[in-house]
Amino acid sequence: MTRVEGPAVVVGVDGSDGSRAALHHALGEAARRRTGVRAVVAHPPPHDGAELFALDPLPPIPDPGPGATARARELVDQVVAARRAAAAPVPDVATEVVGVAGAPADVLADTADGADLLVIGHRGRGAVHGRPTGPVALGCILRSRCPVTVVPPGEEDR
């Protein structure tokens, strides 16, 4: 794993088909922009009720849960290998995987602060509830200080 310095393409990964498509798209965008990819796995911290009484938001906790970051690294490695195996040559892109505990939309928007682009997958649940996108995607769109791309499953950028 290479540490990604400076502006980059940040992508949310959670193992879903939508996050796999988002990762493909993020790697393609990073190659075009000649920058790296920071893959972020975010999980809500354990709910113990204490945050309801906190005056200040609790700081993010590194590495959320057992194996979350390792599973995200495996997904990144699989997608990078699939892109390399594709017919067209794909430039190597530096990748970094980070895990942070916290509300996914908050973690992704905060991590993408100063990035060139935030890419997130769309699981398709929003349309079921009459919304064009889900709560994490909407939260990222509303909070992010950089452009946000929402990639539906099956839209891999190969």
N, C-alpha and C. Protein backbone atom coordinates (compact mmCIF):
# COMPACT_ATOMS: atom_id res chain seq x y z
N MET A 1 0.85 -1.19 0.00
CA MET A 1 0.00 0.00 0.00
C MET A 1 0.89 1.23 0.00
N THR A 2 0.52 2.18 -0.82
CA THR A 2 1.24 3.44 -0.93
C THR A 2 0.43 4.52 -0.23
N ARG A 3 1.11 5.35 0.53
CA ARG A 3 0.41 6.48 1.15
C ARG A 3 0.14 7.53 0.08
N VAL A 4 -1.10 7.97 -0.02
CA VAL A 4 -1.49 8.96 -1.01
C VAL A 4 -1.35 10.34 -0.39
N GLU A 5 -0.50 11.17 -0.98
CA GLU A 5 -0.26 12.52 -0.47
C GLU A 5 -1.01 13.54 -1.32
N GLY A 6 -1.39 14.63 -0.71
CA GLY A 6 -1.99 15.73 -1.45
C GLY A 6 -3.38 15.42 -1.97
N PRO A 7 -3.87 16.28 -2.87
CA PRO A 7 -5.21 16.05 -3.43
C PRO A 7 -5.30 14.68 -4.08
N ALA A 8 -6.43 14.06 -3.93
CA ALA A 8 -6.63 12.71 -4.44
C ALA A 8 -8.10 12.50 -4.75
N VAL A 9 -8.38 11.32 -5.25
CA VAL A 9 -9.75 10.89 -5.42
C VAL A 9 -10.07 10.03 -4.21
N VAL A 10 -11.07 10.41 -3.46
CA VAL A 10 -11.50 9.66 -2.27
C VAL A 10 -12.71 8.84 -2.67
N VAL A 11 -12.75 7.57 -2.24
CA VAL A 11 -13.86 6.69 -2.56
C VAL A 11 -14.30 5.94 -1.31
N GLY A 12 -15.61 5.86 -1.13
CA GLY A 12 -16.16 5.09 -0.02
C GLY A 12 -16.28 3.63 -0.42
N VAL A 13 -15.79 2.72 0.43
CA VAL A 13 -15.90 1.29 0.14
C VAL A 13 -16.54 0.58 1.33
N ASP A 14 -17.48 -0.31 1.02
CA ASP A 14 -18.12 -1.09 2.07
C ASP A 14 -18.36 -2.54 1.65
N GLY A 15 -17.83 -2.92 0.49
CA GLY A 15 -17.99 -4.29 0.01
C GLY A 15 -19.21 -4.50 -0.86
N SER A 16 -20.08 -3.51 -0.99
CA SER A 16 -21.28 -3.65 -1.82
C SER A 16 -20.92 -3.55 -3.30
N ASP A 17 -21.86 -3.99 -4.15
CA ASP A 17 -21.66 -3.85 -5.59
C ASP A 17 -21.48 -2.38 -5.98
N GLY A 18 -22.23 -1.51 -5.30
CA GLY A 18 -22.11 -0.08 -5.58
C GLY A 18 -20.73 0.46 -5.24
N SER A 19 -20.15 -0.01 -4.13
CA SER A 19 -18.82 0.49 -3.77
C SER A 19 -17.75 -0.09 -4.70
N ARG A 20 -17.96 -1.32 -5.19
CA ARG A 20 -17.03 -1.91 -6.16
C ARG A 20 -17.04 -1.07 -7.45
N ALA A 21 -18.24 -0.69 -7.92
CA ALA A 21 -18.35 0.16 -9.11
C ALA A 21 -17.72 1.53 -8.86
N ALA A 22 -17.94 2.07 -7.66
CA ALA A 22 -17.36 3.37 -7.32
C ALA A 22 -15.84 3.29 -7.32
N LEU A 23 -15.29 2.19 -6.82
CA LEU A 23 -13.85 2.02 -6.79
C LEU A 23 -13.27 1.94 -8.20
N HIS A 24 -13.93 1.20 -9.08
CA HIS A 24 -13.50 1.16 -10.49
C HIS A 24 -13.49 2.59 -11.06
N HIS A 25 -14.56 3.32 -10.84
CA HIS A 25 -14.66 4.68 -11.35
C HIS A 25 -13.57 5.57 -10.76
N ALA A 26 -13.34 5.46 -9.45
CA ALA A 26 -12.33 6.28 -8.78
C ALA A 26 -10.93 6.01 -9.33
N LEU A 27 -10.61 4.74 -9.57
CA LEU A 27 -9.30 4.40 -10.13
C LEU A 27 -9.13 5.00 -11.53
N GLY A 28 -10.19 4.96 -12.33
CA GLY A 28 -10.14 5.57 -13.66
C GLY A 28 -9.96 7.07 -13.59
N GLU A 29 -10.69 7.71 -12.69
CA GLU A 29 -10.56 9.17 -12.52
C GLU A 29 -9.17 9.54 -12.02
N ALA A 30 -8.64 8.78 -11.07
CA ALA A 30 -7.31 9.07 -10.54
C ALA A 30 -6.25 8.92 -11.63
N ALA A 31 -6.39 7.90 -12.48
CA ALA A 31 -5.43 7.72 -13.57
C ALA A 31 -5.50 8.91 -14.53
N ARG A 32 -6.70 9.37 -14.85
CA ARG A 32 -6.85 10.52 -15.75
C ARG A 32 -6.29 11.80 -15.13
N ARG A 33 -6.44 11.92 -13.83
CA ARG A 33 -6.00 13.14 -13.12
C ARG A 33 -4.54 13.05 -12.66
N ARG A 34 -3.96 11.86 -12.81
CA ARG A 34 -2.58 11.60 -12.36
C ARG A 34 -2.44 11.86 -10.86
N THR A 35 -3.32 11.26 -10.11
CA THR A 35 -3.28 11.38 -8.66
C THR A 35 -3.54 10.00 -8.07
N GLY A 36 -3.72 9.91 -6.77
CA GLY A 36 -3.95 8.63 -6.11
C GLY A 36 -5.38 8.47 -5.65
N VAL A 37 -5.66 7.29 -5.11
CA VAL A 37 -6.98 6.98 -4.57
C VAL A 37 -6.85 6.69 -3.08
N ARG A 38 -7.69 7.34 -2.31
CA ARG A 38 -7.80 7.05 -0.88
C ARG A 38 -9.15 6.37 -0.68
N ALA A 39 -9.11 5.06 -0.42
CA ALA A 39 -10.34 4.30 -0.19
C ALA A 39 -10.65 4.36 1.30
N VAL A 40 -11.88 4.74 1.62
CA VAL A 40 -12.27 4.94 3.01
C VAL A 40 -13.38 3.97 3.37
N VAL A 41 -13.17 3.23 4.45
CA VAL A 41 -14.21 2.37 4.99
C VAL A 41 -14.67 3.03 6.29
N ALA A 42 -15.96 3.31 6.37
CA ALA A 42 -16.53 3.99 7.53
C ALA A 42 -17.64 3.14 8.13
N HIS A 43 -17.62 3.02 9.43
CA HIS A 43 -18.66 2.28 10.14
C HIS A 43 -19.12 3.10 11.33
N PRO A 44 -20.41 3.10 11.59
CA PRO A 44 -20.87 3.81 12.77
C PRO A 44 -20.23 3.22 14.03
N PRO A 45 -19.81 4.08 14.97
CA PRO A 45 -19.23 3.55 16.20
C PRO A 45 -20.31 2.84 17.02
N PRO A 46 -19.90 1.99 17.96
CA PRO A 46 -20.91 1.34 18.81
C PRO A 46 -21.77 2.38 19.50
N HIS A 47 -23.06 2.15 19.52
CA HIS A 47 -24.00 3.11 20.11
C HIS A 47 -24.19 2.77 21.58
N ASP A 48 -23.70 3.67 22.44
CA ASP A 48 -23.89 3.44 23.87
C ASP A 48 -24.73 4.53 24.52
N GLY A 49 -25.19 5.49 23.73
CA GLY A 49 -26.05 6.55 24.25
C GLY A 49 -25.29 7.75 24.77
N ALA A 50 -23.99 7.62 25.01
CA ALA A 50 -23.22 8.71 25.59
C ALA A 50 -23.19 9.93 24.66
N GLU A 51 -23.17 9.69 23.34
CA GLU A 51 -23.08 10.81 22.41
C GLU A 51 -24.32 11.69 22.44
N LEU A 52 -25.42 11.18 22.97
CA LEU A 52 -26.63 11.99 23.07
C LEU A 52 -26.45 13.15 24.05
N PHE A 53 -25.53 12.98 25.01
CA PHE A 53 -25.32 13.99 26.03
C PHE A 53 -24.03 14.78 25.83
N ALA A 54 -23.29 14.47 24.80
CA ALA A 54 -22.02 15.16 24.54
C ALA A 54 -22.30 16.54 23.94
N LEU A 55 -21.58 17.54 24.43
CA LEU A 55 -21.72 18.89 23.90
C LEU A 55 -20.94 19.05 22.61
N ASP A 56 -19.81 18.36 22.50
CA ASP A 56 -18.99 18.42 21.30
C ASP A 56 -19.06 17.07 20.61
N PRO A 57 -18.99 17.07 19.27
CA PRO A 57 -18.99 15.78 18.57
C PRO A 57 -17.76 14.97 18.98
N LEU A 58 -17.94 13.67 19.08
CA LEU A 58 -16.83 12.80 19.44
C LEU A 58 -15.86 12.69 18.26
N PRO A 59 -14.55 12.64 18.53
CA PRO A 59 -13.60 12.53 17.42
C PRO A 59 -13.68 11.15 16.78
N PRO A 60 -13.35 11.06 15.47
CA PRO A 60 -13.35 9.75 14.81
C PRO A 60 -12.36 8.80 15.46
N ILE A 61 -12.67 7.52 15.47
CA ILE A 61 -11.82 6.50 16.04
C ILE A 61 -11.16 5.74 14.89
N PRO A 62 -9.81 5.65 14.88
CA PRO A 62 -9.16 4.92 13.79
C PRO A 62 -9.57 3.45 13.75
N ASP A 63 -9.54 2.85 12.57
CA ASP A 63 -9.81 1.44 12.29
C ASP A 63 -11.08 0.92 12.93
N PRO A 64 -12.21 1.13 12.27
CA PRO A 64 -13.50 0.76 12.82
C PRO A 64 -13.78 -0.73 12.78
N GLY A 65 -13.71 -1.37 13.88
CA GLY A 65 -14.12 -2.77 13.94
C GLY A 65 -13.08 -3.74 13.42
N PRO A 66 -13.21 -4.98 13.86
CA PRO A 66 -12.22 -5.99 13.50
C PRO A 66 -12.25 -6.33 12.00
N GLY A 67 -11.14 -6.12 11.36
CA GLY A 67 -11.00 -6.55 9.98
C GLY A 67 -11.62 -5.66 8.92
N ALA A 68 -12.28 -4.56 9.29
CA ALA A 68 -12.95 -3.72 8.30
C ALA A 68 -11.96 -3.15 7.30
N THR A 69 -10.84 -2.66 7.79
CA THR A 69 -9.85 -2.08 6.89
C THR A 69 -9.19 -3.16 6.05
N ALA A 70 -8.94 -4.32 6.63
CA ALA A 70 -8.34 -5.43 5.88
C ALA A 70 -9.26 -5.89 4.75
N ARG A 71 -10.57 -5.97 5.02
CA ARG A 71 -11.52 -6.36 3.97
C ARG A 71 -11.57 -5.30 2.86
N ALA A 72 -11.49 -4.03 3.24
CA ALA A 72 -11.48 -2.96 2.23
C ALA A 72 -10.21 -3.06 1.39
N ARG A 73 -9.07 -3.37 2.01
CA ARG A 73 -7.82 -3.52 1.27
C ARG A 73 -7.93 -4.67 0.27
N GLU A 74 -8.56 -5.78 0.69
CA GLU A 74 -8.77 -6.92 -0.22
C GLU A 74 -9.62 -6.50 -1.43
N LEU A 75 -10.67 -5.73 -1.18
CA LEU A 75 -11.52 -5.26 -2.28
C LEU A 75 -10.72 -4.38 -3.24
N VAL A 76 -9.92 -3.48 -2.70
CA VAL A 76 -9.09 -2.61 -3.55
C VAL A 76 -8.15 -3.47 -4.38
N ASP A 77 -7.49 -4.44 -3.76
CA ASP A 77 -6.57 -5.31 -4.49
C ASP A 77 -7.28 -6.08 -5.59
N GLN A 78 -8.50 -6.58 -5.32
CA GLN A 78 -9.27 -7.31 -6.33
C GLN A 78 -9.62 -6.43 -7.52
N VAL A 79 -10.07 -5.22 -7.25
CA VAL A 79 -10.48 -4.31 -8.33
C VAL A 79 -9.26 -3.87 -9.14
N VAL A 80 -8.15 -3.58 -8.47
CA VAL A 80 -6.92 -3.21 -9.19
C VAL A 80 -6.49 -4.37 -10.09
N ALA A 81 -6.53 -5.60 -9.59
CA ALA A 81 -6.15 -6.77 -10.39
C ALA A 81 -7.09 -6.94 -11.58
N ALA A 82 -8.39 -6.74 -11.37
CA ALA A 82 -9.36 -6.86 -12.46
C ALA A 82 -9.10 -5.81 -13.53
N ARG A 83 -8.75 -4.61 -13.12
CA ARG A 83 -8.46 -3.54 -14.09
C ARG A 83 -7.20 -3.87 -14.88
N ARG A 84 -6.19 -4.44 -14.20
CA ARG A 84 -4.95 -4.82 -14.89
C ARG A 84 -5.20 -5.95 -15.89
N ALA A 85 -6.14 -6.84 -15.58
CA ALA A 85 -6.43 -7.98 -16.45
C ALA A 85 -7.30 -7.59 -17.65
N ALA A 86 -7.88 -6.40 -17.62
CA ALA A 86 -8.74 -5.95 -18.73
C ALA A 86 -7.90 -5.78 -20.00
N ALA A 87 -8.57 -5.79 -21.13
CA ALA A 87 -7.89 -5.72 -22.43
C ALA A 87 -7.06 -4.45 -22.59
N ALA A 88 -7.59 -3.31 -22.19
CA ALA A 88 -6.87 -2.04 -22.36
C ALA A 88 -5.87 -1.86 -21.22
N PRO A 89 -4.68 -1.33 -21.52
CA PRO A 89 -3.71 -1.09 -20.46
C PRO A 89 -4.22 -0.02 -19.50
N VAL A 90 -3.98 -0.23 -18.22
CA VAL A 90 -4.44 0.70 -17.19
C VAL A 90 -3.23 1.18 -16.42
N PRO A 91 -3.02 2.50 -16.31
CA PRO A 91 -1.88 2.99 -15.55
C PRO A 91 -2.01 2.65 -14.07
N ASP A 92 -0.88 2.42 -13.43
CA ASP A 92 -0.89 2.16 -12.00
C ASP A 92 -1.28 3.42 -11.25
N VAL A 93 -2.09 3.26 -10.23
CA VAL A 93 -2.55 4.36 -9.41
C VAL A 93 -2.20 4.03 -7.96
N ALA A 94 -1.58 4.97 -7.27
CA ALA A 94 -1.28 4.77 -5.85
C ALA A 94 -2.59 4.66 -5.08
N THR A 95 -2.68 3.68 -4.21
CA THR A 95 -3.90 3.50 -3.42
C THR A 95 -3.56 3.44 -1.94
N GLU A 96 -4.46 3.96 -1.16
CA GLU A 96 -4.34 3.94 0.29
C GLU A 96 -5.71 3.56 0.83
N VAL A 97 -5.75 2.73 1.87
CA VAL A 97 -7.01 2.35 2.50
C VAL A 97 -6.97 2.83 3.95
N VAL A 98 -8.01 3.57 4.33
CA VAL A 98 -8.11 4.04 5.71
C VAL A 98 -9.47 3.64 6.27
N GLY A 99 -9.49 3.33 7.54
CA GLY A 99 -10.74 3.00 8.23
C GLY A 99 -10.98 4.00 9.34
N VAL A 100 -12.20 4.50 9.41
CA VAL A 100 -12.56 5.49 10.43
C VAL A 100 -13.95 5.16 10.94
N ALA A 101 -14.10 5.16 12.26
CA ALA A 101 -15.42 4.95 12.85
C ALA A 101 -16.16 6.27 12.89
N GLY A 102 -17.40 6.24 12.51
CA GLY A 102 -18.23 7.43 12.51
C GLY A 102 -19.34 7.27 11.50
N ALA A 103 -20.23 8.21 11.47
CA ALA A 103 -21.33 8.17 10.51
C ALA A 103 -20.73 8.24 9.11
N PRO A 104 -21.06 7.28 8.22
CA PRO A 104 -20.40 7.22 6.91
C PRO A 104 -20.40 8.52 6.12
N ALA A 105 -21.51 9.22 6.03
CA ALA A 105 -21.53 10.46 5.25
C ALA A 105 -20.59 11.50 5.85
N ASP A 106 -20.56 11.60 7.17
CA ASP A 106 -19.67 12.55 7.84
C ASP A 106 -18.21 12.19 7.61
N VAL A 107 -17.88 10.91 7.80
CA VAL A 107 -16.50 10.45 7.63
C VAL A 107 -16.03 10.69 6.21
N LEU A 108 -16.86 10.33 5.22
CA LEU A 108 -16.46 10.50 3.82
C LEU A 108 -16.28 11.97 3.46
N ALA A 109 -17.22 12.81 3.86
CA ALA A 109 -17.11 14.24 3.55
C ALA A 109 -15.88 14.85 4.23
N ASP A 110 -15.63 14.47 5.48
CA ASP A 110 -14.46 15.01 6.19
C ASP A 110 -13.16 14.52 5.56
N THR A 111 -13.10 13.25 5.21
CA THR A 111 -11.90 12.69 4.60
C THR A 111 -11.63 13.31 3.24
N ALA A 112 -12.68 13.66 2.52
CA ALA A 112 -12.54 14.24 1.18
C ALA A 112 -12.25 15.73 1.21
N ASP A 113 -12.20 16.33 2.39
CA ASP A 113 -11.90 17.76 2.46
C ASP A 113 -10.52 18.02 1.85
N GLY A 114 -10.45 18.80 0.81
CA GLY A 114 -9.20 19.07 0.11
C GLY A 114 -8.91 18.12 -1.04
N ALA A 115 -9.77 17.11 -1.23
CA ALA A 115 -9.58 16.16 -2.33
C ALA A 115 -10.06 16.76 -3.65
N ASP A 116 -9.66 16.12 -4.74
CA ASP A 116 -10.13 16.53 -6.06
C ASP A 116 -11.56 16.08 -6.32
N LEU A 117 -11.92 14.91 -5.76
CA LEU A 117 -13.21 14.30 -6.06
C LEU A 117 -13.55 13.28 -4.98
N LEU A 118 -14.82 13.17 -4.65
CA LEU A 118 -15.34 12.12 -3.77
C LEU A 118 -16.24 11.23 -4.62
N VAL A 119 -15.98 9.94 -4.62
CA VAL A 119 -16.77 8.99 -5.39
C VAL A 119 -17.42 8.02 -4.43
N ILE A 120 -18.73 7.84 -4.57
CA ILE A 120 -19.45 6.90 -3.73
C ILE A 120 -20.37 6.04 -4.58
N GLY A 121 -20.63 4.86 -4.10
CA GLY A 121 -21.52 3.96 -4.81
C GLY A 121 -22.96 4.22 -4.44
N HIS A 122 -23.84 3.80 -5.32
CA HIS A 122 -25.28 3.92 -5.09
C HIS A 122 -25.83 2.51 -5.00
N ARG A 123 -26.42 2.20 -3.88
CA ARG A 123 -26.95 0.85 -3.69
C ARG A 123 -28.33 0.67 -4.30
N GLY A 124 -28.96 1.76 -4.66
CA GLY A 124 -30.28 1.66 -5.28
C GLY A 124 -31.43 1.68 -4.30
N ARG A 125 -31.16 1.85 -3.01
CA ARG A 125 -32.25 1.85 -2.02
C ARG A 125 -33.05 3.14 -2.03
N GLY A 126 -32.43 4.26 -2.42
CA GLY A 126 -33.12 5.54 -2.40
C GLY A 126 -34.37 5.55 -3.25
N ALA A 127 -34.29 4.95 -4.43
CA ALA A 127 -35.43 4.94 -5.34
C ALA A 127 -36.61 4.19 -4.74
N VAL A 128 -36.32 3.20 -3.91
CA VAL A 128 -37.38 2.43 -3.27
C VAL A 128 -38.19 3.33 -2.35
N HIS A 129 -37.52 4.27 -1.71
CA HIS A 129 -38.18 5.18 -0.78
C HIS A 129 -38.58 6.50 -1.43
N GLY A 130 -38.58 6.55 -2.76
CA GLY A 130 -39.00 7.76 -3.46
C GLY A 130 -37.92 8.81 -3.57
N ARG A 131 -36.68 8.48 -3.22
CA ARG A 131 -35.58 9.44 -3.32
C ARG A 131 -34.65 8.99 -4.43
N PRO A 132 -34.03 9.94 -5.12
CA PRO A 132 -33.11 9.56 -6.20
C PRO A 132 -31.82 8.93 -5.68
N THR A 133 -31.50 9.14 -4.42
CA THR A 133 -30.28 8.57 -3.85
C THR A 133 -30.49 8.27 -2.37
N GLY A 134 -29.61 7.47 -1.79
CA GLY A 134 -29.74 7.06 -0.40
C GLY A 134 -29.19 8.09 0.57
N PRO A 135 -29.32 7.83 1.87
CA PRO A 135 -28.92 8.81 2.88
C PRO A 135 -27.43 9.10 2.91
N VAL A 136 -26.57 8.10 2.67
CA VAL A 136 -25.12 8.36 2.68
C VAL A 136 -24.75 9.23 1.49
N ALA A 137 -25.24 8.87 0.31
CA ALA A 137 -24.94 9.68 -0.89
C ALA A 137 -25.45 11.11 -0.72
N LEU A 138 -26.67 11.25 -0.25
CA LEU A 138 -27.22 12.59 -0.06
C LEU A 138 -26.42 13.38 0.97
N GLY A 139 -26.05 12.72 2.07
CA GLY A 139 -25.24 13.39 3.09
C GLY A 139 -23.89 13.85 2.53
N CYS A 140 -23.27 13.03 1.71
CA CYS A 140 -22.00 13.40 1.09
C CYS A 140 -22.18 14.58 0.14
N ILE A 141 -23.23 14.54 -0.66
CA ILE A 141 -23.50 15.62 -1.61
C ILE A 141 -23.71 16.94 -0.87
N LEU A 142 -24.43 16.90 0.24
CA LEU A 142 -24.73 18.12 0.98
C LEU A 142 -23.54 18.64 1.78
N ARG A 143 -22.67 17.76 2.28
CA ARG A 143 -21.58 18.16 3.17
C ARG A 143 -20.24 18.35 2.49
N SER A 144 -19.99 17.69 1.38
CA SER A 144 -18.67 17.68 0.78
C SER A 144 -18.28 19.04 0.24
N ARG A 145 -17.00 19.35 0.38
CA ARG A 145 -16.46 20.61 -0.16
C ARG A 145 -15.81 20.40 -1.52
N CYS A 146 -15.89 19.17 -2.03
CA CYS A 146 -15.33 18.89 -3.36
C CYS A 146 -16.44 18.25 -4.20
N PRO A 147 -16.24 18.14 -5.51
CA PRO A 147 -17.26 17.49 -6.34
C PRO A 147 -17.51 16.04 -5.87
N VAL A 148 -18.74 15.59 -6.02
CA VAL A 148 -19.14 14.24 -5.63
C VAL A 148 -19.72 13.54 -6.85
N THR A 149 -19.27 12.31 -7.09
CA THR A 149 -19.83 11.47 -8.14
C THR A 149 -20.47 10.26 -7.49
N VAL A 150 -21.74 9.99 -7.83
CA VAL A 150 -22.44 8.81 -7.32
C VAL A 150 -22.52 7.81 -8.47
N VAL A 151 -21.96 6.62 -8.26
CA VAL A 151 -21.86 5.61 -9.31
C VAL A 151 -22.80 4.46 -9.00
N PRO A 152 -23.72 4.14 -9.91
CA PRO A 152 -24.62 3.01 -9.67
C PRO A 152 -23.89 1.68 -9.87
N PRO A 153 -24.37 0.60 -9.26
CA PRO A 153 -23.75 -0.71 -9.46
C PRO A 153 -23.77 -1.08 -10.95
N GLY A 154 -22.72 -1.76 -11.38
CA GLY A 154 -22.65 -2.20 -12.76
C GLY A 154 -22.08 -1.16 -13.71
N GLU A 155 -21.71 0.00 -13.20
CA GLU A 155 -21.18 1.07 -14.05
C GLU A 155 -19.65 1.16 -13.90
N GLU A 156 -18.98 0.03 -13.80
CA GLU A 156 -17.53 0.04 -13.63
C GLU A 156 -16.85 0.73 -14.79
N ASP A 157 -15.88 1.56 -14.46
CA ASP A 157 -15.10 2.29 -15.46
C ASP A 157 -13.86 1.46 -15.75
N ARG A 158 -13.91 0.61 -16.78
CA ARG A 158 -12.80 -0.31 -17.04
C ARG A 158 -11.90 0.22 -18.11
